[in-house]
Protein backbone atom coordinates (compact mmCIF):
# COMPACT_ATOMS: atom_id res chain seq x y z
CA UNK A 1 119.19 -170.20 -16.84
CA UNK A 2 121.74 -170.38 -19.11
CA UNK A 3 121.93 -167.83 -22.01
CA UNK A 4 118.41 -166.43 -20.85
CA UNK A 5 118.49 -162.71 -21.49
CA UNK A 6 116.99 -159.89 -19.61
CA UNK A 7 116.60 -156.24 -19.52
CA UNK A 8 117.41 -156.01 -15.69
CA UNK A 9 120.13 -154.16 -14.30
CA UNK A 10 122.02 -154.42 -11.22
CA UNK A 11 120.54 -152.72 -8.08
CA UNK A 12 122.39 -153.10 -4.66
CA UNK A 13 124.09 -156.05 -6.14
CA UNK A 14 126.01 -158.41 -3.54
CA UNK A 15 128.54 -161.13 -4.03
CA UNK A 16 127.84 -162.04 -0.27
CA UNK A 17 124.47 -163.11 0.04
CA UNK A 18 123.36 -164.20 3.49
CA UNK A 19 122.09 -167.53 4.28
CA UNK A 20 118.31 -167.75 3.23
CA UNK A 21 118.63 -165.09 0.54
CA UNK A 22 118.32 -165.47 -3.19
CA UNK A 23 119.83 -163.44 -5.65
CA UNK A 24 119.31 -163.05 -9.30
CA UNK A 25 122.27 -162.59 -11.87
CA UNK A 26 121.09 -161.04 -15.11
CA UNK A 27 123.92 -162.60 -17.07
CA UNK A 28 127.17 -160.63 -18.90
CA UNK A 29 130.33 -162.19 -17.67
CA UNK A 30 128.71 -165.29 -16.97
CA UNK A 31 125.44 -167.23 -17.63
CA UNK A 32 122.05 -165.78 -16.09
CA UNK A 33 121.46 -167.41 -12.84
CA UNK A 34 119.47 -167.65 -9.57
CA UNK A 35 121.44 -168.28 -6.41
CA UNK A 36 119.91 -169.55 -3.19
CA UNK A 37 122.65 -169.03 -0.36
CA UNK A 38 122.40 -171.84 2.21
CA UNK A 39 125.72 -171.19 4.00
CA UNK A 40 128.59 -168.56 3.84
CA UNK A 41 129.07 -167.92 0.25
CA UNK A 42 130.96 -165.67 -2.29
CA UNK A 43 129.33 -165.51 -5.82
CA UNK A 44 131.83 -165.91 -8.41
CA UNK A 45 132.61 -167.61 -11.69
CA UNK A 46 135.35 -168.57 -13.76
CA UNK A 47 136.19 -164.93 -14.79
CA UNK A 48 136.05 -164.05 -10.83
CA UNK A 49 133.66 -162.45 -8.39
CA UNK A 50 130.10 -161.49 -9.48
CA UNK A 51 127.26 -159.38 -7.70
CA UNK A 52 123.61 -160.36 -8.13
CA UNK A 53 120.33 -158.33 -6.99
CA UNK A 54 118.95 -159.73 -3.84
CA UNK A 55 115.30 -160.15 -4.28
CA UNK A 56 114.05 -162.39 -1.95
CA UNK A 57 114.67 -163.85 1.59
CA UNK A 58 113.53 -167.26 3.54
CA UNK A 59 112.32 -166.19 6.92
CA UNK A 60 110.85 -169.35 7.87
CA UNK A 61 112.40 -172.98 7.71
CA UNK A 62 116.15 -171.40 7.17
CA UNK A 63 117.59 -174.12 9.23
CA UNK A 64 116.80 -176.52 6.49
CA UNK A 65 118.81 -174.86 4.19
CA UNK A 66 122.01 -176.65 4.70
CA UNK A 67 120.44 -180.10 4.09
CA UNK A 68 118.74 -178.90 1.16
CA UNK A 69 122.26 -178.10 -0.37
CA UNK A 70 124.18 -181.18 0.87
CA UNK A 71 121.07 -183.15 -1.02
CA UNK A 72 121.33 -181.07 -3.98
CA UNK A 73 124.92 -181.81 -4.21
CA UNK A 74 125.06 -185.38 -3.58
CA UNK A 75 121.44 -186.39 -5.02
CA UNK A 76 120.69 -183.88 -7.94
CA UNK A 77 118.30 -181.09 -8.23
CA UNK A 78 115.36 -181.18 -6.34
CA UNK A 79 111.84 -179.42 -6.59
CA UNK A 80 111.38 -176.26 -4.25
CA UNK A 81 108.12 -174.62 -3.43
CA UNK A 82 108.00 -170.83 -2.74
CA UNK A 83 104.98 -169.53 -0.82
CA UNK A 84 103.95 -166.22 1.23
CA UNK A 85 103.71 -166.56 4.95
CA UNK A 86 101.80 -164.12 6.99
């Protein structure tokens, strides 16, 4: 999201999201971004540890996240569809 500026602050920010959690970093010390944890992670940048707001959890299909991470690393960005489940 780069230099995208928001008015969002921090609320229960975490640097260690669990696999399947998405966190939103509103910018400041680093660029604004959304992070999808697909394994063990410590959210940080060149300036050090960062904290982001957990706003969404993947509850179905989480077993596929490791493969998604591997594919993204080696093959580049892929489209992701999010939908609500019952």
